[in-house]
Amino acid sequence: MVKSRPATEADINDLQKALNQSSHPNQKVEHYASVGVTDVYEDESGPIGFLRYTKALRLCACWIDDKDKHRNAASISQAITDAVQKAKSNGYTEILFETESESYKTFCEKLGFEKAVGNTMILYV
C-alpha cells in the first residue's frame, strides 16, 4: 500500500538520486527542500517518489508594438522586478511564463529565468 508523509532531511539522498535520473530539467534538491511542501510517497519497499507543492505566479503579457525591442526590453525588466517583489510578498515560490520567441527566452534568461519544459520559462523566488 502506498502512503505519503512529509519529507525530512533524512530523505535528501533519495531525493538527489531521483533528481539525478529525472528527465525533467533544472530540478534541484533546494527546490524541494526550501519551497512549498514536499511529500514522500513510499510503500513497504521504501521511497517511490517525491511530490513538491508550490505556489506559482503565471505571467501573461502583450506589447503594443512587438518590434519596439528597446522599449519592450525596458518594460520587461521593470515588470520582472515588480513581479518578483509581488511574488515574494504574497508567498509565491516561482514565476512562470510561456513563449515561442527565442529572443524573449534569451533575454529573460539574463533576468534569471531558466528554461523549463517546452516553451515554459521559470524563475525561482
PDB file of N, CA and C in Angstrom:
ATOM      1  N   MET A   1       0.839  -1.173   0.000  1.00  0.00           N
ATOM      2  CA  MET A   1       0.000   0.000   0.000  1.00  0.00           C
ATOM      3  C   MET A   1       0.893   1.249   0.000  1.00  0.00           C
ATOM      4  N   VAL A   2       0.570   2.198  -0.837  1.00  0.00           N
ATOM      5  CA  VAL A   2       1.338   3.434  -0.944  1.00  0.00           C
ATOM      6  C   VAL A   2       0.807   4.447   0.071  1.00  0.00           C
ATOM      7  N   LYS A   3       1.751   5.072   0.778  1.00  0.00           N
ATOM      8  CA  LYS A   3       1.421   6.103   1.757  1.00  0.00           C
ATOM      9  C   LYS A   3       2.290   7.320   1.491  1.00  0.00           C
ATOM     10  N   SER A   4       1.855   8.461   2.001  1.00  0.00           N
ATOM     11  CA  SER A   4       2.665   9.671   1.889  1.00  0.00           C
ATOM     12  C   SER A   4       2.967  10.205   3.274  1.00  0.00           C
ATOM     13  N   ARG A   5       4.067  10.974   3.327  1.00  0.00           N
ATOM     14  CA  ARG A   5       4.468  11.626   4.563  1.00  0.00           C
ATOM     15  C   ARG A   5       5.295  12.844   4.186  1.00  0.00           C
ATOM     16  N   PRO A   6       5.418  13.812   5.086  1.00  0.00           N
ATOM     17  CA  PRO A   6       6.270  14.970   4.801  1.00  0.00           C
ATOM     18  C   PRO A   6       7.731  14.543   4.673  1.00  0.00           C
ATOM     19  N   ALA A   7       8.434  15.140   3.721  1.00  0.00           N
ATOM     20  CA  ALA A   7       9.856  14.850   3.548  1.00  0.00           C
ATOM     21  C   ALA A   7      10.645  15.428   4.719  1.00  0.00           C
ATOM     22  N   THR A   8      11.761  14.779   5.030  1.00  0.00           N
ATOM     23  CA  THR A   8      12.657  15.235   6.093  1.00  0.00           C
ATOM     24  C   THR A   8      14.086  15.277   5.558  1.00  0.00           C
ATOM     25  N   GLU A   9      14.993  15.765   6.368  1.00  0.00           N
ATOM     26  CA  GLU A   9      16.416  15.800   5.999  1.00  0.00           C
ATOM     27  C   GLU A   9      16.924  14.404   5.648  1.00  0.00           C
ATOM     28  N   ALA A  10      16.372  13.390   6.272  1.00  0.00           N
ATOM     29  CA  ALA A  10      16.800  12.010   6.026  1.00  0.00           C
ATOM     30  C   ALA A  10      16.486  11.551   4.601  1.00  0.00           C
ATOM     31  N   ASP A  11      15.638  12.292   3.894  1.00  0.00           N
ATOM     32  CA  ASP A  11      15.243  11.917   2.532  1.00  0.00           C
ATOM     33  C   ASP A  11      16.123  12.541   1.455  1.00  0.00           C
ATOM     34  N   ILE A  12      17.057  13.400   1.835  1.00  0.00           N
ATOM     35  CA  ILE A  12      17.855  14.153   0.857  1.00  0.00           C
ATOM     36  C   ILE A  12      18.607  13.236  -0.105  1.00  0.00           C
ATOM     37  N   ASN A  13      19.220  12.170   0.378  1.00  0.00           N
ATOM     38  CA  ASN A  13      19.978  11.271  -0.510  1.00  0.00           C
ATOM     39  C   ASN A  13      19.073  10.609  -1.539  1.00  0.00           C
ATOM     40  N   ASP A  14      17.906  10.151  -1.115  1.00  0.00           N
ATOM     41  CA  ASP A  14      16.964   9.537  -2.061  1.00  0.00           C
ATOM     42  C   ASP A  14      16.452  10.576  -3.054  1.00  0.00           C
ATOM     43  N   LEU A  15      16.216  11.787  -2.585  1.00  0.00           N
ATOM     44  CA  LEU A  15      15.770  12.854  -3.475  1.00  0.00           C
ATOM     45  C   LEU A  15      16.840  13.159  -4.518  1.00  0.00           C
ATOM     46  N   GLN A  16      18.089  13.270  -4.090  1.00  0.00           N
ATOM     47  CA  GLN A  16      19.171  13.551  -5.040  1.00  0.00           C
ATOM     48  C   GLN A  16      19.298  12.427  -6.062  1.00  0.00           C
ATOM     49  N   LYS A  17      19.168  11.192  -5.619  1.00  0.00           N
ATOM     50  CA  LYS A  17      19.213  10.043  -6.534  1.00  0.00           C
ATOM     51  C   LYS A  17      18.089  10.149  -7.577  1.00  0.00           C
ATOM     52  N   ALA A  18      16.897  10.509  -7.123  1.00  0.00           N
ATOM     53  CA  ALA A  18      15.757  10.650  -8.043  1.00  0.00           C
ATOM     54  C   ALA A  18      16.003  11.778  -9.038  1.00  0.00           C
ATOM     55  N   LEU A  19      16.524  12.896  -8.557  1.00  0.00           N
ATOM     56  CA  LEU A  19      16.776  14.036  -9.443  1.00  0.00           C
ATOM     57  C   LEU A  19      17.875  13.733 -10.451  1.00  0.00           C
ATOM     58  N   ASN A  20      18.873  12.978 -10.038  1.00  0.00           N
ATOM     59  CA  ASN A  20      19.976  12.626 -10.947  1.00  0.00           C
ATOM     60  C   ASN A  20      19.506  11.827 -12.150  1.00  0.00           C
ATOM     61  N   GLN A  21      18.456  11.069 -11.992  1.00  0.00           N
ATOM     62  CA  GLN A  21      17.968  10.254 -13.106  1.00  0.00           C
ATOM     63  C   GLN A  21      16.685  10.792 -13.718  1.00  0.00           C
ATOM     64  N   SER A  22      16.238  11.954 -13.261  1.00  0.00           N
ATOM     65  CA  SER A  22      14.994  12.538 -13.755  1.00  0.00           C
ATOM     66  C   SER A  22      15.151  13.080 -15.173  1.00  0.00           C
ATOM     67  N   SER A  23      14.087  12.966 -15.955  1.00  0.00           N
ATOM     68  CA  SER A  23      14.074  13.522 -17.309  1.00  0.00           C
ATOM     69  C   SER A  23      13.593  14.972 -17.316  1.00  0.00           C
ATOM     70  N   HIS A  24      13.238  15.509 -16.161  1.00  0.00           N
ATOM     71  CA  HIS A  24      12.797  16.902 -16.050  1.00  0.00           C
ATOM     72  C   HIS A  24      14.000  17.789 -15.756  1.00  0.00           C
ATOM     73  N   PRO A  25      14.250  18.790 -16.602  1.00  0.00           N
ATOM     74  CA  PRO A  25      15.445  19.627 -16.418  1.00  0.00           C
ATOM     75  C   PRO A  25      15.323  20.612 -15.257  1.00  0.00           C
ATOM     76  N   ASN A  26      16.466  21.042 -14.782  1.00  0.00           N
ATOM     77  CA  ASN A  26      16.586  22.152 -13.828  1.00  0.00           C
ATOM     78  C   ASN A  26      16.020  21.894 -12.440  1.00  0.00           C
ATOM     79  N   GLN A  27      15.725  20.668 -12.098  1.00  0.00           N
ATOM     80  CA  GLN A  27      15.244  20.411 -10.747  1.00  0.00           C
ATOM     81  C   GLN A  27      16.448  20.237  -9.819  1.00  0.00           C
ATOM     82  N   LYS A  28      16.354  20.826  -8.643  1.00  0.00           N
ATOM     83  CA  LYS A  28      17.447  20.796  -7.683  1.00  0.00           C
ATOM     84  C   LYS A  28      16.898  20.436  -6.311  1.00  0.00           C
ATOM     85  N   VAL A  29      17.748  19.848  -5.486  1.00  0.00           N
ATOM     86  CA  VAL A  29      17.337  19.479  -4.136  1.00  0.00           C
ATOM     87  C   VAL A  29      16.766  20.674  -3.401  1.00  0.00           C
ATOM     88  N   GLU A  30      17.423  21.838  -3.539  1.00  0.00           N
ATOM     89  CA  GLU A  30      16.951  23.008  -2.801  1.00  0.00           C
ATOM     90  C   GLU A  30      15.550  23.447  -3.203  1.00  0.00           C
ATOM     91  N   HIS A  31      15.120  23.113  -4.415  1.00  0.00           N
ATOM     92  CA  HIS A  31      13.755  23.439  -4.815  1.00  0.00           C
ATOM     93  C   HIS A  31      12.752  22.636  -3.984  1.00  0.00           C
ATOM     94  N   TYR A  32      13.115  21.425  -3.666  1.00  0.00           N
ATOM     95  CA  TYR A  32      12.238  20.574  -2.867  1.00  0.00           C
ATOM     96  C   TYR A  32      12.377  20.859  -1.377  1.00  0.00           C
ATOM     97  N   ALA A  33      13.563  21.252  -0.972  1.00  0.00           N
ATOM     98  CA  ALA A  33      13.828  21.435   0.452  1.00  0.00           C
ATOM     99  C   ALA A  33      13.405  22.803   0.959  1.00  0.00           C
ATOM    100  N   SER A  34      13.375  23.809   0.085  1.00  0.00           N
ATOM    101  CA  SER A  34      13.169  25.158   0.602  1.00  0.00           C
ATOM    102  C   SER A  34      11.898  25.843   0.121  1.00  0.00           C
ATOM    103  N   VAL A  35      11.167  25.265  -0.781  1.00  0.00           N
ATOM    104  CA  VAL A  35       9.939  25.910  -1.243  1.00  0.00           C
ATOM    105  C   VAL A  35       8.751  24.967  -1.122  1.00  0.00           C
ATOM    106  N   GLY A  36       7.614  25.548  -0.831  1.00  0.00           N
ATOM    107  CA  GLY A  36       6.392  24.763  -0.792  1.00  0.00           C
ATOM    108  C   GLY A  36       6.460  23.649   0.237  1.00  0.00           C
ATOM    109  N   VAL A  37       5.732  22.627  -0.013  1.00  0.00           N
ATOM    110  CA  VAL A  37       5.669  21.456   0.849  1.00  0.00           C
ATOM    111  C   VAL A  37       6.019  20.253  -0.012  1.00  0.00           C
ATOM    112  N   THR A  38       6.896  19.404   0.485  1.00  0.00           N
ATOM    113  CA  THR A  38       7.276  18.208  -0.253  1.00  0.00           C
ATOM    114  C   THR A  38       6.859  16.978   0.535  1.00  0.00           C
ATOM    115  N   ASP A  39       6.191  16.066  -0.154  1.00  0.00           N
ATOM    116  CA  ASP A  39       5.812  14.789   0.434  1.00  0.00           C
ATOM    117  C   ASP A  39       6.601  13.673  -0.227  1.00  0.00           C
ATOM    118  N   VAL A  40       6.859  12.627   0.541  1.00  0.00           N
ATOM    119  CA  VAL A  40       7.491  11.413   0.048  1.00  0.00           C
ATOM    120  C   VAL A  40       6.385  10.371  -0.076  1.00  0.00           C
ATOM    121  N   TYR A  41       6.348   9.699  -1.211  1.00  0.00           N
ATOM    122  CA  TYR A  41       5.422   8.590  -1.401  1.00  0.00           C
ATOM    123  C   TYR A  41       6.233   7.312  -1.302  1.00  0.00           C
ATOM    124  N   GLU A  42       5.764   6.382  -0.479  1.00  0.00           N
ATOM    125  CA  GLU A  42       6.519   5.161  -0.240  1.00  0.00           C
ATOM    126  C   GLU A  42       5.580   3.995   0.020  1.00  0.00           C
ATOM    127  N   ASP A  43       6.143   2.805  -0.125  1.00  0.00           N
ATOM    128  CA  ASP A  43       5.428   1.588   0.217  1.00  0.00           C
ATOM    129  C   ASP A  43       6.349   0.752   1.102  1.00  0.00           C
ATOM    130  N   GLU A  44       6.007  -0.503   1.291  1.00  0.00           N
ATOM    131  CA  GLU A  44       6.804  -1.360   2.170  1.00  0.00           C
ATOM    132  C   GLU A  44       8.233  -1.585   1.662  1.00  0.00           C
ATOM    133  N   SER A  45       8.493  -1.297   0.388  1.00  0.00           N
ATOM    134  CA  SER A  45       9.838  -1.437  -0.171  1.00  0.00           C
ATOM    135  C   SER A  45      10.664  -0.164  -0.050  1.00  0.00           C
ATOM    136  N   GLY A  46      10.044   0.927   0.391  1.00  0.00           N
ATOM    137  CA  GLY A  46      10.769   2.169   0.570  1.00  0.00           C
ATOM    138  C   GLY A  46      10.210   3.298  -0.275  1.00  0.00           C
ATOM    139  N   PRO A  47      10.970   4.396  -0.386  1.00  0.00           N
ATOM    140  CA  PRO A  47      10.505   5.560  -1.144  1.00  0.00           C
ATOM    141  C   PRO A  47      10.283   5.250  -2.627  1.00  0.00           C
ATOM    142  N   ILE A  48       9.219   5.848  -3.169  1.00  0.00           N
ATOM    143  CA  ILE A  48       8.887   5.702  -4.588  1.00  0.00           C
ATOM    144  C   ILE A  48       9.149   7.018  -5.314  1.00  0.00           C
ATOM    145  N   GLY A  49       8.784   8.113  -4.683  1.00  0.00           N
ATOM    146  CA  GLY A  49       8.956   9.404  -5.326  1.00  0.00           C
ATOM    147  C   GLY A  49       8.619  10.555  -4.397  1.00  0.00           C
ATOM    148  N   PHE A  50       8.827  11.743  -4.939  1.00  0.00           N
ATOM    149  CA  PHE A  50       8.625  12.975  -4.191  1.00  0.00           C
ATOM    150  C   PHE A  50       7.643  13.853  -4.942  1.00  0.00           C
ATOM    151  N   LEU A  51       6.788  14.532  -4.195  1.00  0.00           N
ATOM    152  CA  LEU A  51       5.834  15.462  -4.785  1.00  0.00           C
ATOM    153  C   LEU A  51       6.000  16.797  -4.088  1.00  0.00           C
ATOM    154  N   ARG A  52       6.297  17.813  -4.871  1.00  0.00           N
ATOM    155  CA  ARG A  52       6.513  19.160  -4.338  1.00  0.00           C
ATOM    156  C   ARG A  52       5.308  20.016  -4.682  1.00  0.00           C
ATOM    157  N   TYR A  53       4.773  20.687  -3.685  1.00  0.00           N
ATOM    158  CA  TYR A  53       3.677  21.627  -3.872  1.00  0.00           C
ATOM    159  C   TYR A  53       4.278  23.028  -3.899  1.00  0.00           C
ATOM    160  N   THR A  54       3.911  23.816  -4.893  1.00  0.00           N
ATOM    161  CA  THR A  54       4.422  25.178  -4.971  1.00  0.00           C
ATOM    162  C   THR A  54       3.275  26.139  -5.223  1.00  0.00           C
ATOM    163  N   LYS A  55       3.569  27.386  -5.011  1.00  0.00           N
ATOM    164  CA  LYS A  55       2.632  28.451  -5.319  1.00  0.00           C
ATOM    165  C   LYS A  55       3.272  29.235  -6.458  1.00  0.00           C
ATOM    166  N   ALA A  56       2.742  29.066  -7.667  1.00  0.00           N
ATOM    167  CA  ALA A  56       3.347  29.662  -8.857  1.00  0.00           C
ATOM    168  C   ALA A  56       2.522  30.843  -9.368  1.00  0.00           C
ATOM    169  N   LEU A  57       3.249  31.848  -9.813  1.00  0.00           N
ATOM    170  CA  LEU A  57       2.643  33.026 -10.422  1.00  0.00           C
ATOM    171  C   LEU A  57       2.909  32.948 -11.920  1.00  0.00           C
ATOM    172  N   ARG A  58       1.855  32.833 -12.706  1.00  0.00           N
ATOM    173  CA  ARG A  58       1.997  32.745 -14.160  1.00  0.00           C
ATOM    174  C   ARG A  58       1.786  34.129 -14.759  1.00  0.00           C
ATOM    175  N   LEU A  59       2.761  34.551 -15.549  1.00  0.00           N
ATOM    176  CA  LEU A  59       2.698  35.850 -16.198  1.00  0.00           C
ATOM    177  C   LEU A  59       2.180  35.716 -17.631  1.00  0.00           C
ATOM    178  N   CYS A  60       1.347  36.641 -18.034  1.00  0.00           N
ATOM    179  CA  CYS A  60       0.874  36.757 -19.414  1.00  0.00           C
ATOM    180  C   CYS A  60       1.066  38.221 -19.810  1.00  0.00           C
ATOM    181  N   ALA A  61       1.660  38.454 -20.958  1.00  0.00           N
ATOM    182  CA  ALA A  61       1.958  39.835 -21.352  1.00  0.00           C
ATOM    183  C   ALA A  61       1.656  40.055 -22.833  1.00  0.00           C
ATOM    184  N   CYS A  62       1.449  41.302 -23.173  1.00  0.00           N
ATOM    185  CA  CYS A  62       1.209  41.700 -24.553  1.00  0.00           C
ATOM    186  C   CYS A  62       1.749  43.111 -24.723  1.00  0.00           C
ATOM    187  N   TRP A  63       2.466  43.348 -25.814  1.00  0.00           N
ATOM    188  CA  TRP A  63       3.041  44.664 -26.067  1.00  0.00           C
ATOM    189  C   TRP A  63       2.328  45.353 -27.228  1.00  0.00           C
ATOM    190  N   ILE A  64       2.307  46.665 -27.191  1.00  0.00           N
ATOM    191  CA  ILE A  64       1.670  47.469 -28.227  1.00  0.00           C
ATOM    192  C   ILE A  64       2.355  47.239 -29.574  1.00  0.00           C
ATOM    193  N   ASP A  65       3.702  47.200 -29.567  1.00  0.00           N
ATOM    194  CA  ASP A  65       4.478  47.034 -30.800  1.00  0.00           C
ATOM    195  C   ASP A  65       5.586  46.011 -30.558  1.00  0.00           C
ATOM    196  N   ASP A  66       5.397  44.798 -31.057  1.00  0.00           N
ATOM    197  CA  ASP A  66       6.385  43.730 -30.862  1.00  0.00           C
ATOM    198  C   ASP A  66       7.764  44.081 -31.423  1.00  0.00           C
ATOM    199  N   LYS A  67       7.801  44.997 -32.357  1.00  0.00           N
ATOM    200  CA  LYS A  67       9.073  45.347 -32.999  1.00  0.00           C
ATOM    201  C   LYS A  67       9.866  46.412 -32.222  1.00  0.00           C
ATOM    202  N   ASP A  68       9.252  47.021 -31.222  1.00  0.00           N
ATOM    203  CA  ASP A  68       9.915  48.064 -30.431  1.00  0.00           C
ATOM    204  C   ASP A  68      10.731  47.403 -29.319  1.00  0.00           C
ATOM    205  N   LYS A  69      11.816  46.751 -29.708  1.00  0.00           N
ATOM    206  CA  LYS A  69      12.629  45.939 -28.799  1.00  0.00           C
ATOM    207  C   LYS A  69      13.168  46.747 -27.623  1.00  0.00           C
ATOM    208  N   HIS A  70      13.600  47.970 -27.846  1.00  0.00           N
ATOM    209  CA  HIS A  70      14.197  48.769 -26.778  1.00  0.00           C
ATOM    210  C   HIS A  70      13.188  49.060 -25.658  1.00  0.00           C
ATOM    211  N   ARG A  71      12.040  49.573 -26.015  1.00  0.00           N
ATOM    212  CA  ARG A  71      11.027  49.892 -25.002  1.00  0.00           C
ATOM    213  C   ARG A  71      10.461  48.629 -24.370  1.00  0.00           C
ATOM    214  N   ASN A  72      10.270  47.603 -25.195  1.00  0.00           N
ATOM    215  CA  ASN A  72       9.748  46.343 -24.653  1.00  0.00           C
ATOM    216  C   ASN A  72      10.715  45.740 -23.638  1.00  0.00           C
ATOM    217  N   ALA A  73      12.028  45.786 -23.950  1.00  0.00           N
ATOM    218  CA  ALA A  73      13.029  45.249 -23.031  1.00  0.00           C
ATOM    219  C   ALA A  73      12.991  46.002 -21.703  1.00  0.00           C
ATOM    220  N   ALA A  74      12.888  47.320 -21.768  1.00  0.00           N
ATOM    221  CA  ALA A  74      12.818  48.123 -20.541  1.00  0.00           C
ATOM    222  C   ALA A  74      11.574  47.773 -19.727  1.00  0.00           C
ATOM    223  N   SER A  75      10.462  47.578 -20.421  1.00  0.00           N
ATOM    224  CA  SER A  75       9.233  47.252 -19.694  1.00  0.00           C
ATOM    225  C   SER A  75       9.292  45.846 -19.110  1.00  0.00           C
ATOM    226  N   ILE A  76       9.919  44.913 -19.823  1.00  0.00           N
ATOM    227  CA  ILE A  76      10.064  43.546 -19.313  1.00  0.00           C
ATOM    228  C   ILE A  76      10.922  43.553 -18.051  1.00  0.00           C
ATOM    229  N   SER A  77      12.033  44.260 -18.093  1.00  0.00           N
ATOM    230  CA  SER A  77      12.920  44.338 -16.923  1.00  0.00           C
ATOM    231  C   SER A  77      12.171  44.878 -15.716  1.00  0.00           C
ATOM    232  N   GLN A  78      11.423  45.948 -15.912  1.00  0.00           N
ATOM    233  CA  GLN A  78      10.668  46.529 -14.803  1.00  0.00           C
ATOM    234  C   GLN A  78       9.557  45.587 -14.349  1.00  0.00           C
ATOM    235  N   ALA A  79       8.887  44.955 -15.305  1.00  0.00           N
ATOM    236  CA  ALA A  79       7.795  44.042 -14.963  1.00  0.00           C
ATOM    237  C   ALA A  79       8.299  42.865 -14.136  1.00  0.00           C
ATOM    238  N   ILE A  80       9.470  42.338 -14.487  1.00  0.00           N
ATOM    239  CA  ILE A  80      10.018  41.209 -13.730  1.00  0.00           C
ATOM    240  C   ILE A  80      10.411  41.663 -12.328  1.00  0.00           C
ATOM    241  N   THR A  81      11.029  42.834 -12.218  1.00  0.00           N
ATOM    242  CA  THR A  81      11.358  43.381 -10.900  1.00  0.00           C
ATOM    243  C   THR A  81      10.097  43.498 -10.049  1.00  0.00           C
ATOM    244  N   ASP A  82       9.033  44.044 -10.627  1.00  0.00           N
ATOM    245  CA  ASP A  82       7.765  44.189  -9.912  1.00  0.00           C
ATOM    246  C   ASP A  82       7.175  42.820  -9.552  1.00  0.00           C
ATOM    247  N   ALA A  83       7.213  41.883 -10.491  1.00  0.00           N
ATOM    248  CA  ALA A  83       6.634  40.554 -10.271  1.00  0.00           C
ATOM    249  C   ALA A  83       7.363  39.816  -9.153  1.00  0.00           C
ATOM    250  N   VAL A  84       8.686  39.922  -9.124  1.00  0.00           N
ATOM    251  CA  VAL A  84       9.459  39.257  -8.065  1.00  0.00           C
ATOM    252  C   VAL A  84       9.060  39.819  -6.704  1.00  0.00           C
ATOM    253  N   GLN A  85       8.975  41.133  -6.601  1.00  0.00           N
ATOM    254  CA  GLN A  85       8.594  41.764  -5.332  1.00  0.00           C
ATOM    255  C   GLN A  85       7.193  41.309  -4.917  1.00  0.00           C
ATOM    256  N   LYS A  86       6.253  41.333  -5.847  1.00  0.00           N
ATOM    257  CA  LYS A  86       4.882  40.933  -5.540  1.00  0.00           C
ATOM    258  C   LYS A  86       4.799  39.452  -5.197  1.00  0.00           C
ATOM    259  N   ALA A  87       5.561  38.625  -5.933  1.00  0.00           N
ATOM    260  CA  ALA A  87       5.561  37.189  -5.667  1.00  0.00           C
ATOM    261  C   ALA A  87       6.081  36.902  -4.262  1.00  0.00           C
ATOM    262  N   LYS A  88       7.218  37.486  -3.922  1.00  0.00           N
ATOM    263  CA  LYS A  88       7.805  37.253  -2.596  1.00  0.00           C
ATOM    264  C   LYS A  88       6.880  37.719  -1.482  1.00  0.00           C
ATOM    265  N   SER A  89       6.265  38.872  -1.645  1.00  0.00           N
ATOM    266  CA  SER A  89       5.421  39.408  -0.581  1.00  0.00           C
ATOM    267  C   SER A  89       4.089  38.672  -0.455  1.00  0.00           C
ATOM    268  N   ASN A  90       3.757  37.848  -1.442  1.00  0.00           N
ATOM    269  CA  ASN A  90       2.499  37.098  -1.394  1.00  0.00           C
ATOM    270  C   ASN A  90       2.695  35.591  -1.296  1.00  0.00           C
ATOM    271  N   GLY A  91       3.916  35.161  -0.985  1.00  0.00           N
ATOM    272  CA  GLY A  91       4.162  33.744  -0.720  1.00  0.00           C
ATOM    273  C   GLY A  91       4.357  32.859  -1.929  1.00  0.00           C
ATOM    274  N   TYR A  92       4.543  33.452  -3.101  1.00  0.00           N
ATOM    275  CA  TYR A  92       4.798  32.637  -4.289  1.00  0.00           C
ATOM    276  C   TYR A  92       6.237  32.130  -4.262  1.00  0.00           C
ATOM    277  N   THR A  93       6.453  30.970  -4.850  1.00  0.00           N
ATOM    278  CA  THR A  93       7.785  30.371  -4.858  1.00  0.00           C
ATOM    279  C   THR A  93       8.420  30.355  -6.245  1.00  0.00           C
ATOM    280  N   GLU A  94       7.627  30.624  -7.259  1.00  0.00           N
ATOM    281  CA  GLU A  94       8.170  30.640  -8.617  1.00  0.00           C
ATOM    282  C   GLU A  94       7.289  31.486  -9.533  1.00  0.00           C
ATOM    283  N   ILE A  95       7.933  32.013 -10.557  1.00  0.00           N
ATOM    284  CA  ILE A  95       7.240  32.805 -11.574  1.00  0.00           C
ATOM    285  C   ILE A  95       7.422  32.075 -12.902  1.00  0.00           C
ATOM    286  N   LEU A  96       6.344  31.910 -13.644  1.00  0.00           N
ATOM    287  CA  LEU A  96       6.360  31.174 -14.905  1.00  0.00           C
ATOM    288  C   LEU A  96       5.777  32.009 -16.030  1.00  0.00           C
ATOM    289  N   PHE A  97       6.250  31.745 -17.233  1.00  0.00           N
ATOM    290  CA  PHE A  97       5.581  32.251 -18.420  1.00  0.00           C
ATOM    291  C   PHE A  97       5.929  31.324 -19.576  1.00  0.00           C
ATOM    292  N   GLU A  98       5.135  31.387 -20.617  1.00  0.00           N
ATOM    293  CA  GLU A  98       5.387  30.600 -21.817  1.00  0.00           C
ATOM    294  C   GLU A  98       5.555  31.530 -22.998  1.00  0.00           C
ATOM    295  N   THR A  99       6.494  31.169 -23.877  1.00  0.00           N
ATOM    296  CA  THR A  99       6.691  31.933 -25.102  1.00  0.00           C
ATOM    297  C   THR A  99       7.322  31.042 -26.157  1.00  0.00           C
ATOM    298  N   GLU A 100       7.026  31.336 -27.398  1.00  0.00           N
ATOM    299  CA  GLU A 100       7.683  30.661 -28.512  1.00  0.00           C
ATOM    300  C   GLU A 100       8.848  31.487 -29.039  1.00  0.00           C
ATOM    301  N   SER A 101       9.011  32.700 -28.539  1.00  0.00           N
ATOM    302  CA  SER A 101      10.051  33.615 -29.007  1.00  0.00           C
ATOM    303  C   SER A 101      11.407  33.266 -28.384  1.00  0.00           C
ATOM    304  N   GLU A 102      12.347  32.844 -29.226  1.00  0.00           N
ATOM    305  CA  GLU A 102      13.686  32.512 -28.732  1.00  0.00           C
ATOM    306  C   GLU A 102      14.399  33.748 -28.194  1.00  0.00           C
ATOM    307  N   SER A 103      14.185  34.915 -28.822  1.00  0.00           N
ATOM    308  CA  SER A 103      14.840  36.125 -28.326  1.00  0.00           C
ATOM    309  C   SER A 103      14.277  36.531 -26.966  1.00  0.00           C
ATOM    310  N   TYR A 104      13.009  36.324 -26.747  1.00  0.00           N
ATOM    311  CA  TYR A 104      12.404  36.626 -25.453  1.00  0.00           C
ATOM    312  C   TYR A 104      12.962  35.679 -24.387  1.00  0.00           C
ATOM    313  N   LYS A 105      13.083  34.383 -24.728  1.00  0.00           N
ATOM    314  CA  LYS A 105      13.656  33.405 -23.791  1.00  0.00           C
ATOM    315  C   LYS A 105      15.080  33.807 -23.418  1.00  0.00           C
ATOM    316  N   THR A 106      15.887  34.140 -24.408  1.00  0.00           N
ATOM    317  CA  THR A 106      17.280  34.520 -24.168  1.00  0.00           C
ATOM    318  C   THR A 106      17.362  35.757 -23.292  1.00  0.00           C
ATOM    319  N   PHE A 107      16.545  36.756 -23.582  1.00  0.00           N
ATOM    320  CA  PHE A 107      16.533  37.976 -22.788  1.00  0.00           C
ATOM    321  C   PHE A 107      16.153  37.669 -21.336  1.00  0.00           C
ATOM    322  N   CYS A 108      15.128  36.858 -21.150  1.00  0.00           N
ATOM    323  CA  CYS A 108      14.658  36.563 -19.794  1.00  0.00           C
ATOM    324  C   CYS A 108      15.629  35.665 -19.026  1.00  0.00           C
ATOM    325  N   GLU A 109      16.428  34.881 -19.726  1.00  0.00           N
ATOM    326  CA  GLU A 109      17.488  34.135 -19.047  1.00  0.00           C
ATOM    327  C   GLU A 109      18.478  35.104 -18.402  1.00  0.00           C
ATOM    328  N   LYS A 110      18.725  36.233 -19.026  1.00  0.00           N
ATOM    329  CA  LYS A 110      19.613  37.252 -18.453  1.00  0.00           C
ATOM    330  C   LYS A 110      18.997  37.865 -17.195  1.00  0.00           C
ATOM    331  N   LEU A 111      17.688  37.750 -17.050  1.00  0.00           N
ATOM    332  CA  LEU A 111      16.990  38.270 -15.868  1.00  0.00           C
ATOM    333  C   LEU A 111      16.822  37.198 -14.796  1.00  0.00           C
ATOM    334  N   GLY A 112      17.389  36.012 -15.032  1.00  0.00           N
ATOM    335  CA  GLY A 112      17.354  34.960 -14.026  1.00  0.00           C
ATOM    336  C   GLY A 112      16.437  33.789 -14.305  1.00  0.00           C
ATOM    337  N   PHE A 113      15.659  33.853 -15.378  1.00  0.00           N
ATOM    338  CA  PHE A 113      14.774  32.738 -15.719  1.00  0.00           C
ATOM    339  C   PHE A 113      15.582  31.562 -16.254  1.00  0.00           C
ATOM    340  N   GLU A 114      15.029  30.372 -16.089  1.00  0.00           N
ATOM    341  CA  GLU A 114      15.615  29.150 -16.648  1.00  0.00           C
ATOM    342  C   GLU A 114      14.599  28.523 -17.593  1.00  0.00           C
ATOM    343  N   LYS A 115      15.106  27.832 -18.602  1.00  0.00           N
ATOM    344  CA  LYS A 115      14.210  27.082 -19.478  1.00  0.00           C
ATOM    345  C   LYS A 115      13.712  25.876 -18.700  1.00  0.00           C
ATOM    346  N   ALA A 116      12.419  25.669 -18.744  1.00  0.00           N
ATOM    347  CA  ALA A 116      11.817  24.514 -18.087  1.00  0.00           C
ATOM    348  C   ALA A 116      11.452  23.509 -19.176  1.00  0.00           C
ATOM    349  N   VAL A 117      10.234  23.073 -19.245  1.00  0.00           N
ATOM    350  CA  VAL A 117       9.785  22.110 -20.238  1.00  0.00           C
ATOM    351  C   VAL A 117       9.049  22.843 -21.353  1.00  0.00           C
ATOM    352  N   GLY A 118       9.318  22.450 -22.590  1.00  0.00           N
ATOM    353  CA  GLY A 118       8.650  23.079 -23.728  1.00  0.00           C
ATOM    354  C   GLY A 118       9.013  24.541 -23.838  1.00  0.00           C
ATOM    355  N   ASN A 119       8.015  25.393 -23.917  1.00  0.00           N
ATOM    356  CA  ASN A 119       8.214  26.834 -24.041  1.00  0.00           C
ATOM    357  C   ASN A 119       8.059  27.565 -22.707  1.00  0.00           C
ATOM    358  N   THR A 120       8.099  26.823 -21.616  1.00  0.00           N
ATOM    359  CA  THR A 120       7.916  27.412 -20.286  1.00  0.00           C
ATOM    360  C   THR A 120       9.256  27.882 -19.734  1.00  0.00           C
ATOM    361  N   MET A 121       9.240  29.079 -19.195  1.00  0.00           N
ATOM    362  CA  MET A 121      10.394  29.661 -18.505  1.00  0.00           C
ATOM    363  C   MET A 121      10.016  29.803 -17.035  1.00  0.00           C
ATOM    364  N   ILE A 122      10.994  29.619 -16.140  1.00  0.00           N
ATOM    365  CA  ILE A 122      10.718  29.654 -14.710  1.00  0.00           C
ATOM    366  C   ILE A 122      11.794  30.441 -13.968  1.00  0.00           C
ATOM    367  N   LEU A 123      11.350  31.167 -12.974  1.00  0.00           N
ATOM    368  CA  LEU A 123      12.239  31.913 -12.079  1.00  0.00           C
ATOM    369  C   LEU A 123      11.831  31.539 -10.665  1.00  0.00           C
ATOM    370  N   TYR A 124      12.781  30.974  -9.906  1.00  0.00           N
ATOM    371  CA  TYR A 124      12.506  30.636  -8.516  1.00  0.00           C
ATOM    372  C   TYR A 124      12.740  31.862  -7.654  1.00  0.00           C
ATOM    373  N   VAL A 125      11.767  32.189  -6.804  1.00  0.00           N
ATOM    374  CA  VAL A 125      11.886  33.384  -5.951  1.00  0.00           C
ATOM    375  C   VAL A 125      11.911  32.996  -4.480  1.00  0.00           C
TER     376      VAL A 125
END
